[in-house]
């Protein structure tokens, strides 16, 4: 009697943390993450405090962080994420898309900077590239 080999379960993919306080933006982000092959939604937070609670137990490979939050900044979490996983891919999202803010975020160590008003159209391709390994995560 022969047995067919049992297929291995699919790899869970890169773990993604989404930190966004605006419900309408979260509603756009979450399906993009969930529908991208090779990514796994690790957690969703609406504040720095909630995100820190997620980070106490889980380590993201990818973080999509809102810049301005009621209780702090996504840049605060950028440093905390990098302290735990130096290779994590961190994208900062903001409605305050000015050259000064963009430069400050990239200088702080963000891998990507996306405007919530126009840059979210670029996010599906960016997520697919991260999942495919074309962009470091």
N, C-alpha and C. Protein backbone atom coordinates (compact mmCIF):
# COMPACT_ATOMS: atom_id res chain seq x y z
N UNK A 1 0.85 -1.17 0.00
CA UNK A 1 0.00 0.00 0.00
C UNK A 1 0.90 1.24 0.00
N UNK A 2 0.67 2.12 -0.94
CA UNK A 2 1.45 3.36 -0.99
C UNK A 2 0.60 4.51 -0.49
N UNK A 3 1.28 5.43 0.09
CA UNK A 3 0.59 6.63 0.59
C UNK A 3 1.10 7.84 -0.17
N UNK A 4 0.16 8.66 -0.54
CA UNK A 4 0.57 9.93 -1.15
C UNK A 4 1.23 10.78 -0.08
N UNK A 5 2.29 11.48 -0.46
CA UNK A 5 2.93 12.34 0.54
C UNK A 5 1.96 13.44 0.99
N UNK A 6 2.06 13.75 2.24
CA UNK A 6 1.23 14.81 2.79
C UNK A 6 1.90 16.14 2.46
N UNK A 7 1.19 17.03 1.78
CA UNK A 7 1.83 18.30 1.44
C UNK A 7 2.13 19.11 2.71
N UNK A 8 3.25 19.80 2.64
CA UNK A 8 3.62 20.65 3.77
C UNK A 8 2.68 21.84 3.81
N UNK A 9 2.36 22.31 5.01
CA UNK A 9 1.51 23.51 5.07
C UNK A 9 2.25 24.69 4.48
N UNK A 10 1.50 25.63 3.90
CA UNK A 10 2.17 26.78 3.31
C UNK A 10 2.88 27.61 4.38
N UNK A 11 3.96 28.24 3.97
CA UNK A 11 4.68 29.11 4.89
C UNK A 11 3.75 30.24 5.31
N UNK A 12 3.80 30.63 6.56
CA UNK A 12 2.86 31.65 7.03
C UNK A 12 3.10 33.02 6.41
N UNK A 13 4.25 33.27 5.91
CA UNK A 13 4.53 34.56 5.29
C UNK A 13 5.09 35.56 6.27
N UNK A 14 5.46 36.69 5.73
CA UNK A 14 6.00 37.76 6.56
C UNK A 14 4.89 38.35 7.41
N UNK A 15 5.21 38.58 8.66
CA UNK A 15 4.21 39.07 9.61
C UNK A 15 4.16 40.60 9.55
N UNK A 16 2.93 41.13 9.39
CA UNK A 16 2.72 42.56 9.20
C UNK A 16 1.94 43.15 10.37
N UNK A 17 2.46 44.26 10.89
CA UNK A 17 1.76 45.06 11.89
C UNK A 17 1.25 46.32 11.23
N UNK A 18 -0.03 46.63 11.42
CA UNK A 18 -0.62 47.86 10.90
C UNK A 18 -0.97 48.74 12.09
N UNK A 19 -0.43 49.95 12.10
CA UNK A 19 -0.73 50.94 13.14
C UNK A 19 -1.35 52.14 12.45
N UNK A 20 -2.66 52.30 12.62
CA UNK A 20 -3.39 53.38 11.96
C UNK A 20 -4.62 53.73 12.79
N UNK A 21 -4.77 55.01 13.13
CA UNK A 21 -5.90 55.41 13.96
C UNK A 21 -7.14 55.77 13.15
N UNK A 22 -7.02 56.07 11.88
CA UNK A 22 -8.17 56.45 11.06
C UNK A 22 -8.84 55.20 10.49
N UNK A 23 -10.12 55.01 10.83
CA UNK A 23 -10.84 53.82 10.42
C UNK A 23 -10.91 53.68 8.90
N UNK A 24 -11.10 54.77 8.17
CA UNK A 24 -11.21 54.67 6.72
C UNK A 24 -9.89 54.23 6.08
N UNK A 25 -8.78 54.66 6.64
CA UNK A 25 -7.47 54.24 6.10
C UNK A 25 -7.22 52.78 6.46
N UNK A 26 -7.55 52.38 7.68
CA UNK A 26 -7.42 50.96 8.07
C UNK A 26 -8.22 50.08 7.13
N UNK A 27 -9.43 50.53 6.77
CA UNK A 27 -10.28 49.74 5.88
C UNK A 27 -9.65 49.57 4.50
N UNK A 28 -8.79 50.48 4.10
CA UNK A 28 -8.06 50.34 2.83
C UNK A 28 -6.82 49.47 3.00
N UNK A 29 -6.14 49.59 4.14
CA UNK A 29 -4.88 48.88 4.35
C UNK A 29 -5.05 47.39 4.58
N UNK A 30 -5.98 47.04 5.45
CA UNK A 30 -6.09 45.64 5.89
C UNK A 30 -6.33 44.68 4.73
N UNK A 31 -7.26 44.96 3.81
CA UNK A 31 -7.44 44.02 2.69
C UNK A 31 -6.18 43.90 1.83
N UNK A 32 -5.45 44.98 1.68
CA UNK A 32 -4.22 44.93 0.88
C UNK A 32 -3.23 43.95 1.50
N UNK A 33 -3.10 43.98 2.81
CA UNK A 33 -2.18 43.06 3.50
C UNK A 33 -2.69 41.63 3.40
N UNK A 34 -3.95 41.43 3.74
CA UNK A 34 -4.53 40.08 3.77
C UNK A 34 -4.52 39.43 2.39
N UNK A 35 -4.72 40.22 1.35
CA UNK A 35 -4.82 39.66 0.00
C UNK A 35 -3.47 39.50 -0.70
N UNK A 36 -2.39 39.94 -0.07
CA UNK A 36 -1.07 39.81 -0.68
C UNK A 36 -0.46 38.48 -0.28
N UNK A 37 -0.23 37.63 -1.27
CA UNK A 37 0.39 36.33 -1.01
C UNK A 37 1.76 36.55 -0.38
N UNK A 38 2.06 35.76 0.64
CA UNK A 38 3.35 35.86 1.30
C UNK A 38 3.36 36.79 2.49
N UNK A 39 2.22 37.41 2.78
CA UNK A 39 2.11 38.26 3.96
C UNK A 39 1.04 37.69 4.89
N UNK A 40 1.25 37.93 6.17
CA UNK A 40 0.31 37.48 7.20
C UNK A 40 0.05 38.67 8.12
N UNK A 41 -1.21 39.02 8.32
CA UNK A 41 -1.54 40.11 9.22
C UNK A 41 -1.27 39.67 10.65
N UNK A 42 -0.30 40.30 11.27
CA UNK A 42 0.11 39.97 12.62
C UNK A 42 -0.78 40.65 13.64
N UNK A 43 -1.04 41.93 13.42
CA UNK A 43 -1.85 42.68 14.37
C UNK A 43 -2.22 44.04 13.82
N UNK A 44 -3.24 44.60 14.43
CA UNK A 44 -3.73 45.92 14.08
C UNK A 44 -3.81 46.73 15.36
N UNK A 45 -3.29 47.94 15.32
CA UNK A 45 -3.34 48.82 16.48
C UNK A 45 -3.80 50.20 16.03
N UNK A 46 -4.46 50.91 16.94
CA UNK A 46 -4.94 52.25 16.62
C UNK A 46 -4.23 53.32 17.43
N UNK A 47 -3.27 52.90 18.24
CA UNK A 47 -2.50 53.84 19.05
C UNK A 47 -1.11 53.26 19.31
N UNK A 48 -0.22 54.12 19.73
CA UNK A 48 1.13 53.67 20.10
C UNK A 48 1.03 52.67 21.26
N UNK A 49 0.16 52.96 22.21
CA UNK A 49 0.00 52.07 23.37
C UNK A 49 -0.44 50.67 22.92
N UNK A 50 -1.43 50.59 22.04
CA UNK A 50 -1.87 49.28 21.54
C UNK A 50 -0.77 48.58 20.77
N UNK A 51 -0.04 49.32 19.96
CA UNK A 51 1.04 48.72 19.18
C UNK A 51 2.13 48.17 20.10
N UNK A 52 2.44 48.90 21.15
CA UNK A 52 3.45 48.40 22.10
C UNK A 52 2.98 47.10 22.76
N UNK A 53 1.70 46.98 23.02
CA UNK A 53 1.17 45.74 23.60
C UNK A 53 1.38 44.58 22.62
N UNK A 54 1.16 44.82 21.33
CA UNK A 54 1.40 43.79 20.32
C UNK A 54 2.88 43.43 20.28
N UNK A 55 3.73 44.45 20.33
CA UNK A 55 5.17 44.22 20.23
C UNK A 55 5.75 43.49 21.44
N UNK A 56 5.05 43.50 22.55
CA UNK A 56 5.55 42.77 23.72
C UNK A 56 5.57 41.26 23.48
N UNK A 57 4.67 40.79 22.61
CA UNK A 57 4.59 39.35 22.40
C UNK A 57 4.88 38.91 20.97
N UNK A 58 4.82 39.82 20.01
CA UNK A 58 4.98 39.45 18.61
C UNK A 58 6.02 40.34 17.95
N UNK A 59 6.68 39.80 16.95
CA UNK A 59 7.74 40.54 16.26
C UNK A 59 7.41 40.64 14.77
N UNK A 60 7.05 41.84 14.30
CA UNK A 60 6.71 41.97 12.88
C UNK A 60 7.94 41.97 11.98
N UNK A 61 7.72 41.48 10.76
CA UNK A 61 8.73 41.58 9.71
C UNK A 61 8.51 42.86 8.90
N UNK A 62 7.26 43.31 8.89
CA UNK A 62 6.84 44.49 8.15
C UNK A 62 5.93 45.31 9.05
N UNK A 63 6.13 46.62 9.06
CA UNK A 63 5.26 47.49 9.85
C UNK A 63 4.82 48.66 9.00
N UNK A 64 3.51 48.89 8.98
CA UNK A 64 2.92 50.05 8.32
C UNK A 64 2.46 50.97 9.44
N UNK A 65 3.17 52.08 9.62
CA UNK A 65 2.96 52.92 10.79
C UNK A 65 2.47 54.30 10.42
N UNK A 66 1.36 54.70 11.01
CA UNK A 66 0.88 56.06 10.89
C UNK A 66 1.88 56.98 11.59
N UNK A 67 2.12 58.13 11.02
CA UNK A 67 3.09 59.05 11.62
C UNK A 67 2.53 59.71 12.87
N UNK A 68 1.36 60.28 12.75
CA UNK A 68 0.79 61.05 13.87
C UNK A 68 -0.39 60.31 14.46
N UNK A 69 -0.26 60.06 15.75
CA UNK A 69 -1.28 59.33 16.50
C UNK A 69 -1.63 60.13 17.75
N UNK A 70 -2.78 59.87 18.34
CA UNK A 70 -3.18 60.64 19.52
C UNK A 70 -2.19 60.54 20.68
N UNK A 71 -1.49 59.41 20.78
CA UNK A 71 -0.60 59.21 21.94
C UNK A 71 0.88 59.11 21.56
N UNK A 72 1.23 59.59 20.38
CA UNK A 72 2.64 59.55 20.01
C UNK A 72 2.83 59.53 18.51
N UNK A 73 3.94 58.93 18.10
CA UNK A 73 4.32 58.93 16.69
C UNK A 73 4.74 57.53 16.26
N UNK A 74 4.46 57.24 14.99
CA UNK A 74 4.95 55.99 14.42
C UNK A 74 6.47 55.90 14.45
N UNK A 75 7.14 57.06 14.46
CA UNK A 75 8.61 57.05 14.52
C UNK A 75 9.10 56.46 15.85
N UNK A 76 8.35 56.69 16.93
CA UNK A 76 8.72 56.08 18.21
C UNK A 76 8.76 54.56 18.08
N UNK A 77 7.75 54.02 17.40
CA UNK A 77 7.68 52.57 17.24
C UNK A 77 8.70 52.05 16.24
N UNK A 78 9.05 52.86 15.26
CA UNK A 78 10.06 52.46 14.30
C UNK A 78 11.32 52.03 15.03
N UNK A 79 11.76 52.83 15.97
CA UNK A 79 12.98 52.51 16.71
C UNK A 79 12.81 51.26 17.57
N UNK A 80 11.64 51.09 18.16
CA UNK A 80 11.39 49.90 18.99
C UNK A 80 11.35 48.64 18.14
N UNK A 81 10.74 48.73 16.97
CA UNK A 81 10.67 47.57 16.07
C UNK A 81 12.07 47.19 15.60
N UNK A 82 12.85 48.18 15.21
CA UNK A 82 14.22 47.92 14.74
C UNK A 82 15.10 47.35 15.85
N UNK A 83 14.87 47.75 17.10
CA UNK A 83 15.65 47.22 18.21
C UNK A 83 15.41 45.72 18.35
N UNK A 84 14.21 45.26 18.01
CA UNK A 84 13.86 43.85 18.13
C UNK A 84 14.15 43.07 16.85
N UNK A 85 14.02 43.73 15.70
CA UNK A 85 14.21 43.06 14.42
C UNK A 85 14.83 44.08 13.46
N UNK A 86 16.15 44.10 13.41
CA UNK A 86 16.86 45.11 12.62
C UNK A 86 16.51 45.04 11.14
N UNK A 87 16.09 43.88 10.66
CA UNK A 87 15.77 43.72 9.25
C UNK A 87 14.32 43.99 8.90
N UNK A 88 13.52 44.41 9.85
CA UNK A 88 12.11 44.68 9.56
C UNK A 88 11.98 45.81 8.54
N UNK A 89 10.98 45.69 7.68
CA UNK A 89 10.68 46.75 6.71
C UNK A 89 9.64 47.65 7.35
N UNK A 90 9.94 48.95 7.44
CA UNK A 90 9.03 49.89 8.10
C UNK A 90 8.66 50.99 7.11
N UNK A 91 7.36 51.13 6.90
CA UNK A 91 6.83 52.20 6.05
C UNK A 91 6.04 53.16 6.93
N UNK A 92 6.27 54.43 6.75
CA UNK A 92 5.54 55.47 7.47
C UNK A 92 4.46 56.00 6.54
N UNK A 93 3.24 56.11 7.08
CA UNK A 93 2.09 56.62 6.34
C UNK A 93 1.65 57.93 6.98
N UNK A 94 1.36 58.91 6.16
CA UNK A 94 0.91 60.18 6.74
C UNK A 94 0.12 61.00 5.72
N UNK A 95 -0.75 61.83 6.23
CA UNK A 95 -1.45 62.80 5.40
C UNK A 95 -0.63 64.08 5.27
N UNK A 96 0.43 64.19 6.05
CA UNK A 96 1.27 65.38 6.06
C UNK A 96 2.49 65.16 5.16
N UNK A 97 2.22 65.11 3.86
CA UNK A 97 3.26 64.80 2.88
C UNK A 97 3.94 66.09 2.43
N UNK A 98 4.96 66.46 3.18
CA UNK A 98 5.78 67.60 2.77
C UNK A 98 7.21 67.10 2.61
N UNK A 99 8.02 67.79 1.84
CA UNK A 99 9.42 67.34 1.69
C UNK A 99 10.14 67.25 3.03
N UNK A 100 9.86 68.18 3.94
CA UNK A 100 10.51 68.17 5.25
C UNK A 100 10.12 66.92 6.04
N UNK A 101 8.84 66.59 6.07
CA UNK A 101 8.37 65.42 6.82
C UNK A 101 8.91 64.15 6.17
N UNK A 102 8.89 64.09 4.86
CA UNK A 102 9.42 62.92 4.15
C UNK A 102 10.89 62.69 4.50
N UNK A 103 11.69 63.75 4.41
CA UNK A 103 13.12 63.63 4.73
C UNK A 103 13.33 63.20 6.18
N UNK A 104 12.55 63.77 7.10
CA UNK A 104 12.69 63.43 8.52
C UNK A 104 12.38 61.95 8.76
N UNK A 105 11.35 61.44 8.13
CA UNK A 105 10.99 60.02 8.32
C UNK A 105 12.05 59.09 7.75
N UNK A 106 12.53 59.40 6.56
CA UNK A 106 13.56 58.57 5.95
C UNK A 106 14.87 58.67 6.73
N UNK A 107 15.18 59.86 7.23
CA UNK A 107 16.39 60.04 8.05
C UNK A 107 16.29 59.28 9.37
N UNK A 108 15.06 59.12 9.87
CA UNK A 108 14.85 58.39 11.12
C UNK A 108 14.96 56.88 10.92
N UNK A 109 15.04 56.45 9.66
CA UNK A 109 15.24 55.03 9.40
C UNK A 109 14.09 54.32 8.71
N UNK A 110 13.05 55.05 8.31
CA UNK A 110 11.94 54.41 7.59
C UNK A 110 12.44 53.92 6.23
N UNK A 111 11.95 52.77 5.82
CA UNK A 111 12.30 52.22 4.51
C UNK A 111 11.47 52.82 3.40
N UNK A 112 10.28 53.29 3.76
CA UNK A 112 9.38 53.88 2.77
C UNK A 112 8.53 54.94 3.45
N UNK A 113 8.09 55.88 2.65
CA UNK A 113 7.23 56.97 3.12
C UNK A 113 6.09 57.06 2.12
N UNK A 114 4.85 56.91 2.61
CA UNK A 114 3.70 56.94 1.71
C UNK A 114 2.69 57.98 2.18
N UNK A 115 2.27 58.78 1.25
CA UNK A 115 1.22 59.76 1.51
C UNK A 115 -0.12 59.05 1.55
N UNK A 116 -0.93 59.34 2.55
CA UNK A 116 -2.26 58.72 2.62
C UNK A 116 -3.16 59.25 1.52
N UNK A 117 -2.87 60.42 1.00
CA UNK A 117 -3.73 60.99 -0.03
C UNK A 117 -3.41 60.46 -1.42
N UNK A 118 -2.15 60.15 -1.70
CA UNK A 118 -1.82 59.66 -3.03
C UNK A 118 -0.96 58.40 -3.02
N UNK A 119 -0.17 58.19 -2.00
CA UNK A 119 0.79 57.10 -1.97
C UNK A 119 0.20 55.74 -1.70
N UNK A 120 -1.02 55.66 -1.21
CA UNK A 120 -1.58 54.34 -0.93
C UNK A 120 -1.83 53.56 -2.21
N UNK A 121 -1.89 54.25 -3.34
CA UNK A 121 -2.02 53.54 -4.61
C UNK A 121 -0.76 52.74 -4.92
N UNK A 122 0.37 53.15 -4.34
CA UNK A 122 1.64 52.46 -4.54
C UNK A 122 1.79 51.25 -3.62
N UNK A 123 0.96 51.17 -2.59
CA UNK A 123 1.14 50.15 -1.56
C UNK A 123 0.98 48.71 -2.06
N UNK A 124 0.00 48.38 -2.91
CA UNK A 124 -0.09 46.98 -3.35
C UNK A 124 1.20 46.49 -4.02
N UNK A 125 1.79 47.30 -4.88
CA UNK A 125 3.03 46.89 -5.54
C UNK A 125 4.17 46.78 -4.54
N UNK A 126 4.23 47.69 -3.57
CA UNK A 126 5.27 47.63 -2.54
C UNK A 126 5.12 46.37 -1.69
N UNK A 127 3.89 46.06 -1.26
CA UNK A 127 3.67 44.86 -0.46
C UNK A 127 4.02 43.60 -1.23
N UNK A 128 3.64 43.57 -2.51
CA UNK A 128 3.98 42.39 -3.33
C UNK A 128 5.49 42.24 -3.48
N UNK A 129 6.20 43.34 -3.63
CA UNK A 129 7.66 43.28 -3.74
C UNK A 129 8.30 42.81 -2.44
N UNK A 130 7.77 43.26 -1.32
CA UNK A 130 8.28 42.82 -0.02
C UNK A 130 8.05 41.32 0.14
N UNK A 131 6.84 40.88 -0.16
CA UNK A 131 6.51 39.46 -0.02
C UNK A 131 7.35 38.59 -0.94
N UNK A 132 7.65 39.10 -2.13
CA UNK A 132 8.43 38.34 -3.10
C UNK A 132 9.92 38.37 -2.80
N UNK A 133 10.32 39.19 -1.85
CA UNK A 133 11.74 39.28 -1.50
C UNK A 133 12.49 40.26 -2.37
N UNK A 134 11.79 40.99 -3.23
CA UNK A 134 12.46 41.99 -4.08
C UNK A 134 12.88 43.21 -3.30
N UNK A 135 12.20 43.43 -2.18
CA UNK A 135 12.52 44.52 -1.26
C UNK A 135 12.80 43.88 0.08
N UNK A 136 13.84 44.28 0.73
CA UNK A 136 14.25 43.69 2.00
C UNK A 136 13.15 43.83 3.04
N UNK A 137 12.94 42.75 3.76
CA UNK A 137 12.04 42.77 4.91
C UNK A 137 12.63 41.93 6.01
